[in-house]
Amino acid sequence: MSAEVLEQPGLGSRRLSNYLVASAVSIGGLGFLLASLSSFLGTDLLPLGHPAALIFVPQGLIMGLYSIAAALLATYLWYVIGVNVGSGLNRFDKQAGLVTITRRGFRRPISVEIAL
């Protein structure tokens, strides 16, 4: 790499904050699922609170729906982290007079070329 070309890596979705949010959503969804099942079965599956005392319709049922929503969101978040969406490279080429920005998308790479 010469002084005429500068390359900078672009950080994607594999960041600590994304891992923390995906983990929190996954754990929260599991908690909602266990609360819903506790209300349906009449036994406490969670160590905190007393979810078996909840009436299944509508409280336990709504918690079950929340757990489905959390599972879908967590699946999306873990997929984005796994694929590392947004990672790429910024390339500044003085000799060619060109800036090339490449990023990883969901299904295909994205590349943009801009004249200097």
Protein backbone atom coordinates (compact mmCIF):
# COMPACT_ATOMS: atom_id res chain seq x y z
CA MET A 1 0.00 0.00 0.00
CA SER A 2 1.52 3.31 -1.05
CA ALA A 3 1.05 6.83 0.30
CA GLU A 4 -1.42 7.45 -2.50
CA VAL A 5 -3.89 4.81 -1.24
CA LEU A 6 -5.53 4.84 2.20
CA GLU A 7 -7.70 1.94 3.36
CA GLN A 8 -9.84 2.05 6.49
CA PRO A 9 -11.84 -0.95 7.74
CA GLY A 10 -15.51 -0.30 8.49
CA LEU A 11 -16.83 -1.78 11.71
CA GLY A 12 -19.92 -3.90 11.19
CA SER A 13 -22.57 -5.15 13.55
CA ARG A 14 -20.25 -7.25 15.70
CA ARG A 15 -20.08 -4.75 18.51
CA LEU A 16 -20.39 -5.25 22.24
CA SER A 17 -23.61 -3.24 22.38
CA ASN A 18 -25.27 -5.47 19.76
CA TYR A 19 -24.22 -8.61 21.63
CA LEU A 20 -25.65 -7.16 24.86
CA VAL A 21 -28.97 -6.16 23.26
CA ALA A 22 -29.36 -9.54 21.51
CA SER A 23 -28.60 -11.36 24.78
CA ALA A 24 -31.05 -9.20 26.76
CA VAL A 25 -33.83 -9.76 24.21
CA SER A 26 -33.15 -13.53 24.20
CA ILE A 27 -33.21 -13.77 28.00
CA GLY A 28 -36.29 -11.56 28.26
CA GLY A 29 -38.11 -13.65 25.67
CA LEU A 30 -37.25 -16.80 27.59
CA GLY A 31 -38.60 -15.17 30.75
CA PHE A 32 -41.88 -14.31 29.03
CA LEU A 33 -42.14 -17.86 27.69
CA LEU A 34 -41.58 -19.37 31.14
CA ALA A 35 -44.10 -16.98 32.71
CA SER A 36 -46.67 -17.93 30.07
CA LEU A 37 -46.05 -21.65 30.57
CA SER A 38 -46.21 -21.20 34.36
CA SER A 39 -49.58 -19.55 34.04
CA PHE A 40 -50.83 -22.32 31.72
CA LEU A 41 -49.51 -25.23 33.80
CA GLY A 42 -50.22 -23.71 37.22
CA THR A 43 -46.66 -24.38 38.49
CA ASP A 44 -43.89 -21.84 38.99
CA LEU A 45 -41.15 -22.32 36.40
CA LEU A 46 -39.43 -19.05 37.35
CA PRO A 47 -37.58 -18.59 40.66
CA LEU A 48 -38.78 -14.97 41.02
CA GLY A 49 -42.33 -13.89 41.54
CA HIS A 50 -45.33 -16.14 41.34
CA PRO A 51 -46.27 -16.42 37.64
CA ALA A 52 -48.46 -19.47 38.29
CA ALA A 53 -50.97 -17.09 39.92
CA LEU A 54 -51.51 -15.29 36.62
CA ILE A 55 -54.72 -16.04 34.80
CA PHE A 56 -53.83 -17.67 31.49
CA VAL A 57 -56.44 -15.75 29.49
CA PRO A 58 -55.50 -12.93 28.89
CA GLN A 59 -52.28 -12.41 30.92
CA GLY A 60 -50.48 -15.69 30.20
CA LEU A 61 -51.56 -15.63 26.59
CA ILE A 62 -50.21 -12.10 26.08
CA MET A 63 -46.93 -13.09 27.70
CA GLY A 64 -46.73 -15.98 25.26
CA LEU A 65 -47.22 -13.55 22.38
CA TYR A 66 -44.49 -11.32 23.82
CA SER A 67 -42.18 -14.33 23.91
CA ILE A 68 -42.87 -15.04 20.22
CA ALA A 69 -42.13 -11.41 19.35
CA ALA A 70 -38.91 -11.54 21.38
CA ALA A 71 -37.86 -14.77 19.67
CA LEU A 72 -38.38 -13.23 16.24
CA LEU A 73 -36.47 -10.07 17.20
CA ALA A 74 -33.65 -12.09 18.78
CA THR A 75 -33.39 -14.27 15.66
CA TYR A 76 -33.04 -11.15 13.52
CA LEU A 77 -30.43 -9.61 15.86
CA TRP A 78 -28.32 -12.78 16.02
CA TYR A 79 -28.53 -13.13 12.22
CA VAL A 80 -27.30 -9.55 11.73
CA ILE A 81 -24.43 -10.20 14.13
CA GLY A 82 -23.59 -13.52 12.47
CA VAL A 83 -23.52 -12.07 8.96
CA ASN A 84 -21.72 -8.95 10.28
CA VAL A 85 -23.90 -6.57 8.29
CA GLY A 86 -22.24 -3.20 7.73
CA SER A 87 -18.64 -4.37 7.81
CA GLY A 88 -16.49 -3.34 4.91
CA LEU A 89 -13.76 -1.07 3.67
CA ASN A 90 -13.27 2.60 2.81
CA ARG A 91 -10.59 3.00 0.12
CA PHE A 92 -9.23 6.41 -0.85
CA ASP A 93 -7.08 6.29 -4.01
CA LYS A 94 -5.45 9.62 -4.93
CA GLN A 95 -3.81 8.22 -8.04
CA ALA A 96 -7.07 7.01 -9.55
CA GLY A 97 -9.04 9.92 -8.03
CA LEU A 98 -11.57 7.55 -6.56
CA VAL A 99 -13.18 6.77 -3.22
CA THR A 100 -14.57 3.25 -2.96
CA ILE A 101 -16.86 2.34 -0.08
CA THR A 102 -17.81 -1.33 0.27
CA ARG A 103 -20.13 -2.80 2.88
CA ARG A 104 -21.61 -6.21 3.56
CA GLY A 105 -25.39 -6.18 3.13
CA PHE A 106 -27.99 -8.76 4.04
CA ARG A 107 -27.93 -10.63 0.76
CA ARG A 108 -25.16 -9.06 -1.31
CA PRO A 109 -22.24 -6.69 -0.93
CA ILE A 110 -22.80 -2.98 -1.50
CA SER A 111 -20.17 -0.96 -3.30
CA VAL A 112 -20.16 2.77 -4.04
CA GLU A 113 -17.52 4.59 -6.06
CA ILE A 114 -17.20 8.37 -5.82
CA ALA A 115 -14.80 10.57 -7.78
CA LEU A 116 -12.52 12.81 -5.73
